[in-house]
Amino acid sequence: MQRRSFLRGLGLVAAASTVVAPNMVMAAEAPKGPNAFTIDAALKAITGGKAVVASPKVHLKAPEIAENGAVVPVTVEVDSPMTDDDYVKAIHIFATKNSNVRCADVMLTPANGAAMFATRIKLGTSQDVMALVETSKGEFLSASQNVKVTIGGCG
């Protein structure tokens, strides 16, 4: 008799855990931090809604496969004369799937002599890395490259 009661109780516990467990797994998504941006929101904040044009003048170098997403080297070079009339004002680097997509913002002047920037960024997962370049003429040029990450660097 005690054995049957034990098995009946065990069956009730198993049934209850199958009903409760999915509710716990499907809990609401954790709130994002104050710096969480989507790529569209970040682009709109920088460009003010102006068109972004993919350009062969922007050369983005990043590895196709990054074994460690915590340190992914990225280099951006722009074909620009860097004169007082025609120069690159800013270079922005984005990681499109990170919770904060903005990785780096660099402001330049003609005194820099060359429109070039190199850094290392963190990537949480495989995603596109995008370089956005703002020129003194008010144009926004871009280039992007997909990077496959084997070990994520965020969290």
Foldseek 3Di string as FASTA:
>chain_A
DVVVVVVVVVVVVVVVCVVVVVCVVPDDDDDDDPLFDAPVRVCCVVLVPDDEAADPQKDKDWDQEAAEQQWTKIKIFGPWQLDQVKDWQKKWKFFRPDRRGTWDIDGDHSVVVTPMDMGTGGFQAWTKMKIWIAMPVSHIYMDIDTYGYNHGNDD
